[in-house]
Protein backbone atom coordinates (compact mmCIF):
# COMPACT_ATOMS: atom_id res chain seq x y z
CA MET A 1 -0.08 0.05 -0.41
CA ALA A 2 1.46 2.90 -1.29
CA LEU A 3 0.95 6.93 0.48
CA PRO A 4 -0.77 8.92 -1.12
CA PRO A 5 1.11 12.21 -2.00
CA TYR A 6 -2.17 14.49 -0.17
CA ALA A 7 -1.59 12.88 3.02
CA SER A 8 -1.66 15.19 6.04
CA PRO A 9 1.75 14.84 8.19
CA VAL A 10 -0.07 12.44 11.04
CA GLU A 11 -1.27 10.05 8.50
CA LYS A 12 2.68 10.06 7.01
CA LEU A 13 3.87 9.53 10.89
CA TRP A 14 1.42 7.15 11.09
CA PHE A 15 1.89 5.11 7.57
CA TRP A 16 5.67 5.11 9.07
CA ILE A 17 5.32 3.47 12.65
CA PHE A 18 2.95 0.97 10.52
CA ARG A 19 5.65 0.20 8.13
CA GLY A 20 8.28 -0.32 10.99
CA SER A 21 6.15 -2.22 13.14
CA CYS A 22 5.44 -4.62 10.62
CA GLY A 23 9.00 -5.23 9.72
CA LEU A 24 10.07 -5.36 13.60
CA VAL A 25 7.10 -8.57 13.30
CA LEU A 26 8.77 -9.95 10.03
CA LEU A 27 12.06 -9.61 12.02
CA PHE A 28 11.04 -11.55 15.21
CA LEU A 29 9.98 -13.94 12.58
CA ILE A 30 12.66 -14.85 10.94
CA ALA A 31 15.05 -13.83 13.41
CA PRO A 32 15.80 -17.97 14.26
CA VAL A 33 16.33 -18.71 10.57
CA PHE A 34 19.35 -16.17 10.44
CA VAL A 35 20.56 -17.99 13.91
CA ILE A 36 20.15 -21.80 12.17
CA ILE A 37 21.56 -21.24 9.09
CA PRO A 38 25.13 -19.99 10.28
CA LEU A 39 25.82 -22.91 12.69
CA SER A 40 25.69 -25.54 10.02
CA PHE A 41 29.04 -24.09 8.96
CA SER A 42 30.24 -25.04 12.67
CA SER A 43 33.44 -26.73 12.37
CA GLY A 44 32.53 -26.91 16.40
CA SER A 45 31.25 -30.67 17.50
CA PHE A 46 28.26 -28.48 19.43
CA LEU A 47 25.11 -25.90 19.03
CA THR A 48 27.72 -22.82 20.55
CA TYR A 49 28.24 -18.95 19.70
CA PRO A 50 30.58 -17.71 18.48
CA LEU A 51 31.29 -20.36 16.21
CA PRO A 52 35.34 -21.43 16.64
CA GLY A 53 35.40 -21.90 12.64
CA PHE A 54 34.04 -22.48 9.09
CA SER A 55 33.69 -26.02 8.19
CA LEU A 56 31.57 -27.92 5.30
CA ARG A 57 31.76 -30.90 7.74
CA TRP A 58 28.43 -31.45 8.46
CA TYR A 59 26.53 -31.13 5.10
CA GLU A 60 29.50 -33.77 4.25
CA GLU A 61 28.41 -35.70 6.68
CA ILE A 62 24.62 -35.52 6.44
CA PHE A 63 24.98 -35.90 2.15
CA SER A 64 27.31 -39.23 3.36
CA ASP A 65 26.17 -43.15 3.36
CA GLY A 66 24.05 -43.12 6.46
CA PRO A 67 20.89 -42.36 8.21
CA TRP A 68 20.81 -39.22 6.80
CA MET A 69 20.66 -40.27 3.38
CA GLU A 70 18.50 -43.38 4.30
CA SER A 71 15.69 -41.06 6.02
CA LEU A 72 15.70 -38.61 2.89
CA LYS A 73 15.14 -41.27 0.65
CA ASN A 74 12.47 -41.90 2.37
CA SER A 75 11.10 -39.14 2.56
CA LEU A 76 11.43 -38.03 -0.99
CA ILE A 77 9.54 -41.78 -2.24
CA VAL A 78 6.85 -41.12 0.42
CA ALA A 79 6.51 -36.52 0.07
CA PRO A 80 5.66 -36.99 -4.08
CA LEU A 81 3.47 -39.54 -3.05
CA ALA A 82 1.60 -38.35 -1.20
CA THR A 83 0.85 -35.13 -2.68
CA LEU A 84 -0.05 -36.87 -6.00
CA LEU A 85 -2.98 -39.03 -4.84
CA ALA A 86 -3.87 -35.81 -2.40
CA MET A 87 -4.24 -34.06 -5.30
CA THR A 88 -6.02 -36.60 -7.39
CA PHE A 89 -8.59 -37.11 -3.77
CA GLY A 90 -8.54 -33.29 -3.94
CA THR A 91 -9.26 -31.97 -7.07
CA LEU A 92 -11.84 -34.93 -7.59
CA ALA A 93 -13.58 -33.10 -4.05
CA ALA A 94 -13.78 -29.98 -4.73
CA VAL A 95 -15.18 -30.70 -8.47
CA GLY A 96 -17.33 -32.52 -7.11
CA LEU A 97 -18.57 -30.43 -4.21
CA ASN A 98 -18.97 -27.86 -6.75
CA ARG A 99 -20.78 -28.91 -9.11
CA ALA A 100 -23.84 -31.76 -7.25
CA ASP A 101 -25.43 -29.52 -4.43
CA PHE A 102 -26.93 -32.14 -2.03
CA PRO A 103 -28.17 -32.42 1.55
CA GLY A 104 -25.25 -32.89 4.03
CA LYS A 105 -23.03 -31.35 1.29
CA GLY A 106 -21.58 -28.77 3.99
CA LEU A 107 -20.50 -31.61 6.61
CA ILE A 108 -18.63 -33.58 4.19
CA LEU A 109 -16.55 -30.05 2.88
CA ALA A 110 -15.56 -30.17 6.81
CA LEU A 111 -15.63 -33.70 6.65
CA LEU A 112 -12.34 -33.60 3.89
CA ILE A 113 -10.74 -30.92 5.75
CA SER A 114 -10.76 -31.35 8.90
CA PRO A 115 -7.39 -33.03 9.23
CA MET A 116 -6.15 -29.03 9.70
CA VAL A 117 -8.89 -28.64 12.35
CA VAL A 118 -8.06 -31.45 15.06
CA PRO A 119 -5.15 -31.81 16.23
CA LEU A 120 -1.94 -33.87 14.63
CA VAL A 121 -1.50 -36.14 17.60
CA ILE A 122 -5.14 -36.87 18.16
CA VAL A 123 -5.12 -37.66 14.15
CA ALA A 124 -1.98 -40.02 14.52
CA VAL A 125 -4.34 -42.24 17.23
CA GLY A 126 -6.91 -42.69 15.07
CA MET A 127 -4.65 -43.62 12.58
CA TYR A 128 -2.80 -46.02 14.11
CA PHE A 129 -5.72 -48.06 15.92
CA PHE A 130 -7.83 -48.44 12.14
CA PHE A 131 -4.53 -49.08 10.55
CA ALA A 132 -3.33 -51.92 12.76
CA GLN A 133 -6.69 -54.00 11.81
CA VAL A 134 -5.93 -53.70 8.50
CA GLY A 135 -2.64 -54.38 8.29
CA LEU A 136 -0.94 -50.80 7.18
CA LEU A 137 1.28 -49.92 10.54
CA ASN A 138 5.36 -49.95 9.22
CA SER A 139 4.37 -50.31 5.87
CA TYR A 140 5.21 -47.58 3.06
CA THR A 141 1.51 -47.82 1.52
CA GLY A 142 0.28 -46.61 5.54
CA LEU A 143 2.80 -44.29 5.73
CA VAL A 144 1.73 -42.34 1.66
CA LEU A 145 -1.89 -42.96 2.84
CA ALA A 146 -1.35 -40.94 6.30
CA HIS A 147 0.34 -38.69 4.84
CA THR A 148 -2.78 -38.05 1.85
CA VAL A 149 -4.89 -37.41 4.28
CA LEU A 150 -2.68 -34.78 5.73
CA GLY A 151 -2.70 -33.50 2.16
CA VAL A 152 -6.29 -33.57 0.86
CA PRO A 153 -7.80 -30.83 2.55
CA PHE A 154 -5.08 -28.32 1.26
CA VAL A 155 -5.35 -29.22 -2.50
CA VAL A 156 -9.74 -29.04 -1.20
CA ILE A 157 -9.50 -25.48 -0.32
CA THR A 158 -6.83 -24.34 -3.21
CA VAL A 159 -9.21 -25.81 -5.95
CA ASN A 160 -12.50 -24.52 -4.27
CA ALA A 161 -11.11 -21.07 -3.95
CA THR A 162 -10.30 -21.52 -8.35
CA LEU A 163 -13.48 -22.89 -9.27
CA GLN A 164 -15.43 -19.88 -7.30
CA GLY A 165 -14.80 -17.90 -10.39
CA PHE A 166 -15.05 -20.49 -13.11
CA ASP A 167 -18.24 -20.16 -15.19
CA PHE A 168 -19.46 -23.76 -15.69
CA ASN A 169 -21.22 -22.83 -19.13
CA GLN A 170 -18.31 -24.54 -20.44
CA MET A 171 -18.17 -27.47 -19.82
CA ARG A 172 -22.40 -27.60 -20.60
CA ALA A 173 -20.71 -26.16 -24.17
CA GLY A 174 -18.22 -29.23 -24.21
CA ALA A 175 -20.50 -30.93 -23.80
CA SER A 176 -22.94 -29.74 -26.41
CA LEU A 177 -20.57 -30.41 -28.81
CA GLY A 178 -20.51 -33.47 -28.53
CA ALA A 179 -16.99 -33.98 -26.24
CA SER A 180 -17.96 -36.98 -23.54
CA PRO A 181 -17.92 -35.66 -19.31
CA VAL A 182 -13.84 -37.02 -19.05
CA ARG A 183 -12.60 -34.90 -22.57
CA VAL A 184 -14.66 -31.91 -20.88
CA PHE A 185 -12.32 -31.98 -17.36
CA PHE A 186 -8.69 -32.87 -19.26
CA THR A 187 -9.54 -30.52 -21.52
CA VAL A 188 -11.83 -27.16 -20.33
CA VAL A 189 -12.05 -27.94 -16.36
CA LEU A 190 -8.04 -29.23 -15.57
CA PRO A 191 -5.90 -26.41 -17.53
CA GLN A 192 -7.42 -23.50 -15.44
CA ILE A 193 -7.44 -24.86 -12.13
CA VAL A 194 -3.83 -26.09 -12.57
CA PRO A 195 -3.04 -23.52 -10.83
CA GLY A 196 -5.23 -24.03 -7.76
CA MET A 197 -4.44 -27.59 -8.37
CA VAL A 198 0.06 -27.46 -8.18
CA SER A 199 -0.50 -24.74 -4.99
CA GLY A 200 -2.44 -27.26 -3.23
CA GLY A 201 0.20 -29.95 -3.63
CA LEU A 202 2.65 -27.83 -2.81
CA PHE A 203 1.92 -27.63 0.89
CA ALA A 204 0.64 -31.20 1.20
CA PHE A 205 3.95 -31.95 -0.04
CA ALA A 206 5.99 -29.32 2.32
CA THR A 207 3.21 -30.86 4.84
CA SER A 208 4.78 -34.71 4.50
CA PHE A 209 7.88 -33.68 4.39
CA ASP A 210 7.68 -31.67 7.53
CA GLU A 211 5.26 -34.27 9.09
CA VAL A 212 6.53 -36.25 12.51
CA VAL A 213 4.18 -36.76 14.65
CA VAL A 214 1.94 -39.70 12.62
CA ALA A 215 5.19 -40.81 11.06
CA LEU A 216 6.01 -41.59 14.63
CA PHE A 217 2.75 -43.73 14.93
CA ILE A 218 2.65 -45.37 11.47
CA ALA A 219 5.87 -46.04 10.21
CA SER A 220 8.94 -48.54 11.81
CA PRO A 221 11.81 -47.94 11.78
CA THR A 222 12.88 -49.03 8.39
CA GLU A 223 10.60 -46.44 6.76
CA ARG A 224 12.17 -43.41 9.59
CA THR A 225 11.39 -40.16 6.97
CA LEU A 226 13.35 -36.89 7.19
CA PRO A 227 11.78 -35.39 10.28
CA ILE A 228 12.11 -38.62 12.25
CA GLN A 229 16.14 -38.16 12.37
CA MET A 230 16.06 -34.86 13.27
CA PHE A 231 13.60 -35.46 16.00
CA SER A 232 15.58 -38.13 17.49
CA GLY A 233 18.37 -36.22 16.98
CA ILE A 234 17.51 -33.95 19.04
CA ARG A 235 16.68 -35.97 21.83
CA GLU A 236 19.90 -37.89 21.49
CA ASN A 237 22.44 -36.12 20.27
CA ILE A 238 21.98 -32.08 19.11
CA SER A 239 24.93 -31.92 16.80
CA PRO A 240 25.24 -29.41 13.46
CA ALA A 241 24.08 -32.14 11.49
CA ILE A 242 20.64 -31.32 12.27
CA ALA A 243 21.43 -27.02 11.40
CA ALA A 244 22.86 -28.69 8.48
CA MET A 245 19.89 -29.69 7.36
CA ALA A 246 17.34 -27.24 8.41
CA THR A 247 19.47 -24.51 6.46
CA ILE A 248 18.74 -27.02 3.28
CA LEU A 249 14.59 -27.39 4.29
CA ILE A 250 14.42 -23.60 4.82
CA LEU A 251 16.11 -23.30 1.00
CA LEU A 252 13.06 -25.99 0.32
CA SER A 253 10.43 -24.05 1.77
CA THR A 254 11.62 -20.44 -0.20
CA LEU A 255 11.58 -22.53 -3.18
CA LEU A 256 8.37 -23.40 -2.38
CA LEU A 257 7.30 -20.12 -1.69
CA ILE A 258 8.50 -18.51 -4.95
CA THR A 259 6.21 -21.15 -6.65
CA MET A 260 3.00 -20.50 -5.55
CA GLU A 261 3.87 -16.62 -5.59
CA PHE A 262 4.27 -17.11 -9.22
CA LEU A 263 1.09 -19.76 -9.79
CA ARG A 264 -0.91 -16.73 -7.85
CA ARG A 265 0.03 -14.44 -10.20
CA ARG A 266 -0.16 -16.85 -13.52
CA SER A 267 -3.34 -17.64 -11.91
CA GLU A 268 -4.29 -13.93 -11.26
CA ARG A 269 -3.53 -13.43 -15.17
CA LEU A 270 -5.50 -16.06 -16.06
CA LYS A 271 -8.69 -15.28 -14.43
CA ALA A 272 -8.20 -11.40 -15.49
CA ALA A 273 -7.88 -12.69 -18.99
CA PRO A 274 -10.79 -11.22 -21.37
């Protein structure tokens, strides 16, 4: 928001006070990030300031063969699969809820997004007992399905928001020209809701890649994901290797935010196009 040229001195003062307050709040929120990043380059064996020296030994440790790479491999297996399933199920659910009108529609939507509202430990306990009954504990399948459930709400919300400005008369026009419902969806609907799908998918990926509570209940030691490895490292031996991996995750999160902002602007340009 720009300051208008005709603003009074009092308005200018409040404008700069507001901007300064926002800057201080932002600095307070990101200060822990600035603390973690230098620690990842420490030559010491503990998380201490001032740094005893500069070294890349902790990055070499996490990228060498060992528990860090094994947990990273597990996360890179689980998170993409959970993201693809969440995007598929979430998109179908959002389109169905927007197209259909039936009793209990609001209840179904509330159930779909409930994993975002219910405390995660309750969701984890419920999944643990359910998966134990169907034999999905201690397996990649169970972990992927659990993370899919956590990612679906993000896709439903973003796709549902994208569909708010969608003209469903385009689907009727496609059907009147002889196209099947599947072809209408892939040629008319899908290209216009892709930004919402991808944005929700990025949130789902970040949620799966960063999730630790459900994984502690569902996964076995062989499916040890990266957040579990970091959590165990904090409990057992706090080393700068954790800071090194945290720095990499910070860079990954930054890339995801940049991608989402790019998709948001692209979606706005598509909506504004005649």
